[in-house]
Amino acid sequence: MTVRWKKSSKSVSDSDCVEVAHHLGAVRDSKNPDVVLDVSPARLRAFVNALKAR
């Protein structure tokens, strides 16, 4: 299965950003793409919503 990663539209470079897997269950640092943090989609949504509220 191929995972599609998405960077923020506010990202100014190709290597200094956080990427989210298309299926919303994984996060990685674009500088170190071999390390992936798996999280539940609900927790990831809650985290993103909390950041947006700031």
Protein backbone atom coordinates (compact mmCIF):
# COMPACT_ATOMS: atom_id res chain seq x y z
CA MET A 1 0.00 0.00 0.00
CA THR A 2 1.34 3.40 -0.94
CA VAL A 3 0.87 6.11 1.65
CA ARG A 4 0.26 9.62 0.39
CA TRP A 5 1.68 12.37 2.59
CA LYS A 6 0.39 15.92 2.76
CA LYS A 7 2.32 19.01 3.79
CA SER A 8 0.75 22.17 5.08
CA SER A 9 -0.02 24.77 2.45
CA LYS A 10 1.77 27.21 4.77
CA SER A 11 5.02 25.26 4.55
CA VAL A 12 7.74 27.48 3.09
CA SER A 13 10.29 24.78 2.34
CA ASP A 14 10.30 21.18 1.22
CA SER A 15 12.31 19.89 4.15
CA ASP A 16 11.19 21.75 7.29
CA CYS A 17 7.66 20.63 7.89
CA VAL A 18 5.41 18.05 9.41
CA GLU A 19 3.56 15.77 7.02
CA VAL A 20 0.31 13.95 7.66
CA ALA A 21 -0.59 10.68 5.97
CA HIS A 22 -3.56 10.90 3.65
CA HIS A 23 -5.51 8.42 5.77
CA LEU A 24 -5.02 10.66 8.88
CA GLY A 25 -3.36 8.07 11.03
CA ALA A 26 0.31 8.93 10.79
CA VAL A 27 2.60 11.93 11.13
CA ARG A 28 6.24 12.36 10.16
CA ASP A 29 8.95 15.01 9.97
CA SER A 30 9.96 15.73 6.39
CA LYS A 31 13.63 15.91 7.48
CA ASN A 32 13.45 12.35 8.82
CA PRO A 33 10.72 10.57 6.82
CA ASP A 34 11.71 7.07 7.96
CA VAL A 35 10.34 7.75 11.46
CA VAL A 36 6.54 7.70 11.53
CA LEU A 37 4.29 8.41 14.49
CA ASP A 38 1.06 6.44 14.32
CA VAL A 39 -1.90 8.05 16.05
CA SER A 40 -5.61 7.47 15.95
CA PRO A 41 -7.47 9.69 13.49
CA ALA A 42 -9.60 11.10 16.34
CA ARG A 43 -6.57 12.14 18.38
CA LEU A 44 -4.88 13.67 15.35
CA ARG A 45 -8.02 15.67 14.52
CA ALA A 46 -8.26 16.87 18.12
CA PHE A 47 -4.61 17.95 18.03
CA VAL A 48 -5.03 19.84 14.76
CA ASN A 49 -8.22 21.50 15.98
CA ALA A 50 -6.45 22.61 19.16
CA LEU A 51 -3.66 24.16 17.08
CA LYS A 52 -6.16 25.96 14.87
CA ALA A 53 -7.89 27.39 17.94
CA ARG A 54 -4.68 29.12 19.09
